[in-house]
Amino acid sequence: MGGQFPDPCWLSRVPEGGDPETGSTRYGRAVTAAADEAIADAIGRGWRPGERVALLYATTGADRELWRQRYLGPEPGSPRRWFVEQVWTTPAARVINRHQFHGPSMVVSAACASGLHAMALGQRLMATGDATDVVVVSADIGFDGEEIRAFANLNALVYDAPPQEVCRPFHENTRGFIMGEGAAALVMAPARQPGVEAHVRLLGSAMGNDAFHPVSIEPSFKHLISTMDTALGHAEVAREEIGFYSAHGTGTSQCDEADVTVAEYLGKQSVAYCFKPMLGHTMGTAPLLEAVITARAYSEGLLPASAAEPEAHPQLARGPMPHPGGITAQLGLGFGGNVTTAVYGSVD
């Protein structure tokens, strides 16, 4: 951490790399690389961009490294380029210009629900006709010691122990999360397009807020349940049909209680899983990374769930397992009371 608190520190970090023409920082290069990969995958599966492809870009803090450079670093070599790169709309603009998309482009920031919020908004853009297709991309990169200390002071993050000993959702001894950086992207297209081999179908989604506290979850969890019910209603799916539950899974005591409540509400037939023990908590990108992994689980027939101990909650997957398809419900939570839910199904 460059001598900043804490040192040493566990952090899942996006490495250097990427095309230098797409940005001077890891952040800018990662956004473009993730979008390029998702678009190439979609085209390889038969997708052809429509007339109005939207670009929704989700983040909690954009390029933190550039912001620190603005206040703490040396004067940049090219002030004009440096300013353009730190503007929040620039990563989305680079992608939309690179691929010549002409739908709406916007930044979505709903704390750690941002990635799933963007997907829900994308579904609505297509439903209203404002977009023919949607590319959703998210990145949160550039955390430093000060931010890690702030999360640690909230008793949410543990920085001095390995993730498998700390982040243990659906276990009684879970202690919180390890910070992670990440970038993810996916392409949303109208259902049942001829010749398109989709990974998964987004059947329904919903967004809400528990209107309780800037960083805590309303303790009855009734608004989480209500938002999940709304998504199930949009999807025309009964909760008894849910086979999998993609939990928010930060491993904090509040979030764990919320996840257990939602899992039990969905029913004993739903198998819960989460990825933050393996990826770290990648903030606004986390729910989009989890959606990407869920989509691949449908198309590849394997769910790479985190390992679990025998004493874990009975609905928790005990590790990687075959994925037979069916219906999945996902929960995303964020500071400020943000709640997002989504329901996925197999491709017919």
Protein backbone atom coordinates (compact mmCIF):
# COMPACT_ATOMS: atom_id res chain seq x y z
CA MET A 1 0.00 0.00 0.00
CA GLY A 2 2.97 2.30 -0.50
CA GLY A 3 3.58 2.73 3.20
CA GLN A 4 -0.01 3.82 3.87
CA PHE A 5 -2.18 2.15 6.49
CA PRO A 6 -2.68 -0.78 6.56
CA ASP A 7 0.57 -2.57 5.81
CA PRO A 8 0.61 -5.47 5.18
CA CYS A 9 -2.83 -5.82 3.66
CA TRP A 10 -4.90 -8.43 1.83
CA LEU A 11 -6.29 -6.91 -1.39
CA SER A 12 -7.46 -8.58 -4.61
CA ARG A 13 -5.93 -6.23 -7.17
CA VAL A 14 -6.43 -5.88 -10.93
CA PRO A 15 -2.93 -6.23 -12.45
CA GLU A 16 -1.20 -3.93 -14.85
CA GLY A 17 -1.83 -4.61 -18.53
CA GLY A 18 -4.30 -3.82 -21.27
CA ASP A 19 -4.08 -1.63 -24.34
CA PRO A 20 -2.26 1.64 -23.51
CA GLU A 21 -4.26 3.39 -26.23
CA THR A 22 -7.45 2.91 -24.16
CA GLY A 23 -6.22 4.74 -21.08
CA SER A 24 -3.21 5.71 -19.02
CA THR A 25 -4.37 3.85 -15.89
CA ARG A 26 -5.38 0.32 -14.95
CA TYR A 27 -8.93 1.59 -14.55
CA GLY A 28 -9.41 2.98 -18.05
CA ARG A 29 -7.77 -0.04 -19.67
CA ALA A 30 -9.83 -2.50 -17.60
CA VAL A 31 -13.16 -0.87 -18.50
CA THR A 32 -12.39 -1.08 -22.22
CA ALA A 33 -10.97 -4.61 -22.00
CA ALA A 34 -14.02 -5.94 -20.14
CA ALA A 35 -16.43 -4.31 -22.60
CA ASP A 36 -14.44 -5.57 -25.60
CA GLU A 37 -14.47 -9.11 -24.23
CA ALA A 38 -18.23 -9.09 -23.59
CA ILE A 39 -19.00 -7.63 -27.02
CA ALA A 40 -16.72 -10.14 -28.77
CA ASP A 41 -18.34 -13.00 -26.85
CA ALA A 42 -21.83 -11.79 -27.80
CA ILE A 43 -20.91 -11.39 -31.49
CA GLY A 44 -19.36 -14.86 -31.43
CA ARG A 45 -22.69 -16.19 -30.18
CA GLY A 46 -24.64 -14.61 -33.03
CA TRP A 47 -25.50 -11.16 -31.65
CA ARG A 48 -25.55 -8.24 -34.05
CA PRO A 49 -25.79 -4.72 -32.57
CA GLY A 50 -29.07 -2.93 -33.18
CA GLU A 51 -29.48 0.70 -34.15
CA ARG A 52 -29.44 2.10 -30.60
CA VAL A 53 -27.02 0.19 -28.36
CA ALA A 54 -26.92 1.83 -24.93
CA LEU A 55 -23.85 1.89 -22.69
CA LEU A 56 -24.48 1.82 -18.94
CA TYR A 57 -21.36 2.26 -16.84
CA ALA A 58 -21.58 1.40 -13.14
CA THR A 59 -19.09 2.43 -10.46
CA THR A 60 -18.83 3.70 -6.90
CA GLY A 61 -15.84 5.98 -7.39
CA ALA A 62 -14.54 5.93 -10.98
CA ASP A 63 -10.76 6.17 -11.40
CA ARG A 64 -9.51 6.64 -7.85
CA GLU A 65 -5.86 6.63 -8.91
CA LEU A 66 -6.36 9.64 -11.17
CA TRP A 67 -8.21 11.50 -8.44
CA ARG A 68 -5.36 10.90 -6.01
CA GLN A 69 -2.89 12.07 -8.62
CA ARG A 70 -4.90 15.27 -9.01
CA TYR A 71 -4.42 16.20 -5.36
CA LEU A 72 -1.29 14.36 -4.28
CA GLY A 73 0.77 13.58 -7.36
CA PRO A 74 3.10 15.60 -9.55
CA GLU A 75 1.79 17.87 -12.27
CA PRO A 76 0.66 15.72 -15.24
CA GLY A 77 2.52 15.83 -18.53
CA SER A 78 -0.66 16.57 -20.46
CA PRO A 79 -3.19 18.48 -18.29
CA ARG A 80 -5.87 18.29 -21.01
CA ARG A 81 -5.62 14.49 -21.40
CA TRP A 82 -5.38 14.06 -17.64
CA PHE A 83 -8.57 16.07 -17.08
CA VAL A 84 -10.51 14.21 -19.78
CA GLU A 85 -9.49 10.84 -18.35
CA GLN A 86 -10.71 11.64 -14.83
CA VAL A 87 -14.18 12.75 -15.96
CA TRP A 88 -16.65 10.00 -15.02
CA THR A 89 -18.28 9.89 -18.46
CA THR A 90 -15.01 9.21 -20.28
CA PRO A 91 -14.75 5.40 -19.81
CA ALA A 92 -18.25 4.92 -21.24
CA ALA A 93 -17.53 7.39 -24.05
CA ARG A 94 -14.39 5.46 -25.02
CA VAL A 95 -16.32 2.21 -25.33
CA ILE A 96 -19.28 3.70 -27.18
CA ASN A 97 -16.96 5.54 -29.61
CA ARG A 98 -14.78 2.46 -30.11
CA HIS A 99 -17.79 0.38 -31.16
CA GLN A 100 -19.86 3.18 -32.72
CA PHE A 101 -22.94 2.63 -30.59
CA HIS A 102 -25.59 5.34 -30.69
CA GLY A 103 -27.94 4.60 -27.81
CA PRO A 104 -27.99 6.48 -24.50
CA SER A 105 -24.88 6.42 -22.33
CA MET A 106 -24.88 7.12 -18.62
CA VAL A 107 -23.06 6.56 -15.33
CA VAL A 108 -24.93 4.53 -12.69
CA SER A 109 -23.82 4.81 -9.07
CA ALA A 110 -25.88 3.07 -6.39
CA ALA A 111 -23.02 2.05 -4.09
CA CYS A 112 -22.43 -1.72 -4.06
CA ALA A 113 -25.69 -2.34 -5.94
CA SER A 114 -24.44 -0.29 -8.92
CA GLY A 115 -23.75 -3.14 -11.35
CA LEU A 116 -27.13 -4.79 -10.78
CA HIS A 117 -28.88 -1.40 -10.82
CA ALA A 118 -27.39 -0.82 -14.28
CA MET A 119 -28.72 -4.16 -15.51
CA ALA A 120 -32.20 -3.33 -14.22
CA LEU A 121 -32.06 0.06 -15.94
CA GLY A 122 -30.87 -1.62 -19.13
CA GLN A 123 -33.88 -3.91 -19.11
CA ARG A 124 -36.13 -0.87 -18.82
CA LEU A 125 -34.36 1.01 -21.62
CA MET A 126 -35.07 -1.89 -23.95
CA ALA A 127 -38.67 -2.22 -22.74
CA THR A 128 -39.39 1.45 -23.51
CA GLY A 129 -37.60 1.40 -26.87
CA ASP A 130 -34.91 3.88 -25.82
CA ALA A 131 -32.34 1.17 -26.62
CA THR A 132 -32.33 -1.82 -28.93
CA ASP A 133 -29.53 -3.47 -26.90
CA VAL A 134 -27.50 -2.58 -23.83
CA VAL A 135 -23.86 -3.04 -22.88
CA VAL A 136 -23.39 -2.89 -19.11
CA VAL A 137 -19.83 -2.37 -17.87
CA SER A 138 -18.59 -1.77 -14.34
CA ALA A 139 -15.25 -1.19 -12.65
CA ASP A 140 -14.00 -0.25 -9.21
CA ILE A 141 -10.22 -0.02 -9.11
CA GLY A 142 -7.62 2.01 -7.24
CA PHE A 143 -8.40 1.49 -3.56
CA ASP A 144 -5.76 2.73 -1.15
CA GLY A 145 -4.95 2.49 2.54
CA GLU A 146 -7.23 5.35 3.54
CA GLU A 147 -10.31 3.73 2.00
CA ILE A 148 -9.43 0.35 3.46
CA ARG A 149 -9.00 1.93 6.89
CA ALA A 150 -12.42 3.61 6.57
CA PHE A 151 -14.14 0.30 5.77
CA ALA A 152 -12.24 -1.40 8.59
CA ASN A 153 -13.45 1.29 11.02
CA LEU A 154 -17.02 0.37 10.05
CA ASN A 155 -16.26 -3.21 11.14
CA ALA A 156 -17.10 -4.36 7.62
CA LEU A 157 -13.64 -5.16 6.26
CA VAL A 158 -10.77 -7.26 7.60
CA TYR A 159 -7.40 -6.53 6.01
CA ASP A 160 -4.89 -8.61 7.95
CA ALA A 161 -6.17 -12.16 7.39
CA PRO A 162 -6.73 -14.29 4.27
CA PRO A 163 -10.24 -14.19 2.78
CA GLN A 164 -11.07 -17.86 3.38
CA GLU A 165 -10.65 -17.25 7.12
CA VAL A 166 -12.65 -14.01 7.20
CA CYS A 167 -15.38 -13.83 4.56
CA ARG A 168 -17.60 -16.81 5.36
CA PRO A 169 -21.20 -15.98 4.40
CA PHE A 170 -23.84 -18.31 5.82
CA HIS A 171 -21.38 -19.37 8.57
CA GLU A 172 -21.76 -18.27 12.20
CA ASN A 173 -18.11 -17.18 12.41
CA THR A 174 -18.08 -14.87 9.41
CA ARG A 175 -16.21 -11.61 10.11
CA GLY A 176 -16.61 -9.40 7.04
CA PHE A 177 -14.96 -9.03 3.66
CA ILE A 178 -11.60 -8.50 1.99
CA MET A 179 -11.37 -5.59 -0.45
CA GLY A 180 -11.23 -6.46 -4.13
CA GLU A 181 -10.83 -4.60 -7.41
CA GLY A 182 -12.64 -5.72 -10.53
CA ALA A 183 -14.08 -5.00 -13.94
CA ALA A 184 -16.95 -6.80 -15.64
CA ALA A 185 -19.24 -6.37 -18.63
CA LEU A 186 -22.14 -8.08 -20.35
CA VAL A 187 -24.40 -7.55 -23.34
CA MET A 188 -28.19 -7.45 -23.01
CA ALA A 189 -30.25 -8.13 -26.12
CA PRO A 190 -33.96 -8.75 -26.79
CA ALA A 191 -35.12 -12.26 -25.89
CA ARG A 192 -35.24 -15.05 -28.44
CA GLN A 193 -33.39 -13.29 -31.24
CA PRO A 194 -33.01 -15.71 -34.16
CA GLY A 195 -29.52 -17.17 -34.36
CA VAL A 196 -28.37 -15.78 -31.00
CA GLU A 197 -27.06 -18.29 -28.48
CA ALA A 198 -27.62 -16.50 -25.17
CA HIS A 199 -26.02 -17.52 -21.89
CA VAL A 200 -29.10 -16.82 -19.78
CA ARG A 201 -32.39 -14.92 -19.77
CA LEU A 202 -33.04 -11.98 -17.46
CA LEU A 203 -36.68 -12.63 -16.60
CA GLY A 204 -37.28 -9.71 -14.25
CA SER A 205 -35.64 -7.11 -12.04
CA ALA A 206 -36.56 -4.54 -9.43
CA MET A 207 -34.94 -1.60 -7.64
CA GLY A 208 -35.81 -0.17 -4.24
CA ASN A 209 -34.54 1.45 -1.06
CA ASP A 210 -35.05 0.56 2.59
CA ALA A 211 -34.87 4.27 3.62
CA PHE A 212 -33.19 3.42 6.92
CA HIS A 213 -29.53 4.47 7.30
CA PRO A 214 -26.54 5.61 5.20
CA VAL A 215 -24.57 2.38 5.79
CA SER A 216 -26.79 -0.07 7.71
CA ILE A 217 -29.59 -2.37 6.55
CA GLU A 218 -33.12 -1.96 7.92
CA PRO A 219 -33.26 -4.80 10.45
CA SER A 220 -36.64 -6.31 9.54
CA PHE A 221 -35.45 -6.82 5.93
CA LYS A 222 -39.04 -6.32 4.77
CA HIS A 223 -37.95 -4.00 1.96
CA LEU A 224 -35.47 -6.56 0.65
CA ILE A 225 -38.26 -9.14 0.58
CA SER A 226 -40.64 -6.65 -1.06
CA THR A 227 -38.11 -5.80 -3.79
CA MET A 228 -37.47 -9.49 -4.41
CA ASP A 229 -41.22 -10.08 -4.67
CA THR A 230 -41.45 -7.26 -7.23
CA ALA A 231 -38.76 -8.86 -9.39
CA LEU A 232 -40.47 -12.25 -9.10
CA GLY A 233 -43.72 -10.60 -10.15
CA HIS A 234 -42.11 -9.00 -13.20
CA ALA A 235 -40.61 -12.39 -14.06
CA GLU A 236 -43.94 -14.17 -13.48
CA VAL A 237 -42.15 -16.66 -11.25
CA ALA A 238 -43.27 -18.02 -7.87
CA ARG A 239 -40.68 -18.11 -5.12
CA GLU A 240 -41.17 -21.88 -4.85
CA GLU A 241 -39.69 -22.12 -8.36
CA ILE A 242 -36.35 -20.55 -7.33
CA GLY A 243 -33.60 -23.16 -7.55
CA PHE A 244 -30.63 -20.90 -6.78
CA TYR A 245 -30.07 -17.75 -4.74
CA SER A 246 -27.11 -15.52 -5.66
CA ALA A 247 -26.52 -13.84 -2.30
CA HIS A 248 -24.93 -10.43 -1.77
CA GLY A 249 -22.54 -12.31 0.50
CA THR A 250 -20.23 -9.69 2.01
CA GLY A 251 -19.87 -11.78 5.15
CA THR A 252 -20.66 -8.94 7.55
CA SER A 253 -23.08 -9.82 10.35
CA GLN A 254 -25.82 -7.52 9.03
CA CYS A 255 -25.52 -8.71 5.45
CA ASP A 256 -25.32 -12.34 6.52
CA GLU A 257 -28.53 -12.05 8.51
CA ALA A 258 -30.19 -10.37 5.53
CA ASP A 259 -28.99 -13.06 3.11
CA VAL A 260 -30.15 -15.88 5.37
CA THR A 261 -33.56 -14.19 5.73
CA VAL A 262 -33.98 -13.86 1.96
CA ALA A 263 -32.73 -17.41 1.29
CA GLU A 264 -35.18 -18.87 3.81
CA TYR A 265 -37.99 -16.73 2.39
CA LEU A 266 -37.31 -18.14 -1.08
CA GLY A 267 -37.56 -21.66 0.34
CA LYS A 268 -35.47 -24.69 1.21
CA GLN A 269 -35.32 -25.72 -2.44
CA SER A 270 -33.13 -22.69 -3.30
CA VAL A 271 -29.37 -23.27 -3.10
CA ALA A 272 -27.47 -20.17 -1.96
CA TYR A 273 -24.03 -19.21 -3.23
CA CYS A 274 -21.72 -16.18 -3.25
CA PHE A 275 -18.36 -15.25 -4.74
CA LYS A 276 -16.91 -12.53 -2.52
CA PRO A 277 -14.85 -15.08 -0.53
CA MET A 278 -13.00 -15.81 -3.80
CA LEU A 279 -13.01 -12.41 -5.54
CA GLY A 280 -12.96 -9.97 -2.65
CA HIS A 281 -15.69 -7.35 -2.41
CA THR A 282 -15.36 -5.37 -5.64
CA MET A 283 -17.88 -2.73 -4.57
CA GLY A 284 -20.24 -1.60 -7.37
CA THR A 285 -18.78 -4.16 -9.75
CA ALA A 286 -19.53 -7.08 -7.42
CA PRO A 287 -23.14 -7.76 -8.49
CA LEU A 288 -22.21 -7.52 -12.17
CA LEU A 289 -19.30 -9.94 -11.72
CA GLU A 290 -21.72 -12.26 -9.93
CA ALA A 291 -24.26 -11.92 -12.76
CA VAL A 292 -21.57 -12.77 -15.33
CA ILE A 293 -20.52 -15.88 -13.38
CA THR A 294 -24.17 -16.91 -12.97
CA ALA A 295 -24.75 -16.52 -16.72
CA ARG A 296 -21.72 -18.66 -17.50
CA ALA A 297 -22.93 -21.26 -15.00
CA TYR A 298 -26.09 -21.64 -17.07
CA SER A 299 -24.27 -22.02 -20.38
CA GLU A 300 -21.43 -24.21 -19.07
CA GLY A 301 -23.38 -26.32 -16.61
CA LEU A 302 -21.07 -25.68 -13.65
CA LEU A 303 -21.57 -23.34 -10.71
CA PRO A 304 -18.15 -22.42 -9.20
CA ALA A 305 -19.48 -21.77 -5.70
CA SER A 306 -17.14 -21.03 -2.80
CA ALA A 307 -16.11 -23.89 -0.54
CA ALA A 308 -18.13 -24.23 2.67
CA GLU A 309 -17.83 -26.01 5.99
CA PRO A 310 -20.26 -28.74 7.14
CA GLU A 311 -21.72 -26.45 9.81
CA ALA A 312 -22.73 -23.78 7.28
CA HIS A 313 -26.40 -22.91 6.74
CA PRO A 314 -28.12 -25.89 5.10
CA GLN A 315 -29.10 -23.92 1.98
CA LEU A 316 -25.49 -22.94 1.18
CA ALA A 317 -23.75 -24.72 -1.69
CA ARG A 318 -20.81 -26.68 -0.30
CA GLY A 319 -18.55 -25.89 -3.24
CA PRO A 320 -18.48 -26.15 -7.04
CA MET A 321 -21.46 -28.11 -8.31
CA PRO A 322 -23.29 -28.97 -11.52
CA HIS A 323 -25.76 -26.33 -12.67
CA PRO A 324 -28.91 -27.90 -14.14
CA GLY A 325 -30.56 -24.63 -15.19
CA GLY A 326 -33.86 -23.48 -13.76
CA ILE A 327 -34.51 -20.18 -11.98
CA THR A 328 -32.05 -18.00 -10.02
CA ALA A 329 -32.77 -14.97 -7.84
CA GLN A 330 -30.01 -12.42 -7.13
CA LEU A 331 -29.79 -9.76 -4.41
CA GLY A 332 -27.63 -6.64 -4.56
CA LEU A 333 -27.27 -4.24 -1.63
CA GLY A 334 -25.55 -0.87 -1.39
CA PHE A 335 -24.92 1.95 1.05
CA GLY A 336 -27.68 4.52 1.11
CA GLY A 337 -30.32 1.83 1.41
CA ASN A 338 -30.05 0.70 -2.20
CA VAL A 339 -31.63 -2.67 -3.00
CA THR A 340 -31.67 -4.40 -6.39
CA THR A 341 -33.01 -7.83 -7.29
CA ALA A 342 -32.93 -9.86 -10.48
CA VAL A 343 -34.40 -13.16 -11.65
CA TYR A 344 -32.73 -15.34 -14.30
CA GLY A 345 -33.90 -18.37 -16.21
CA SER A 346 -32.61 -20.94 -18.67
CA VAL A 347 -32.61 -20.17 -22.37
CA ASP A 348 -35.44 -22.11 -24.04
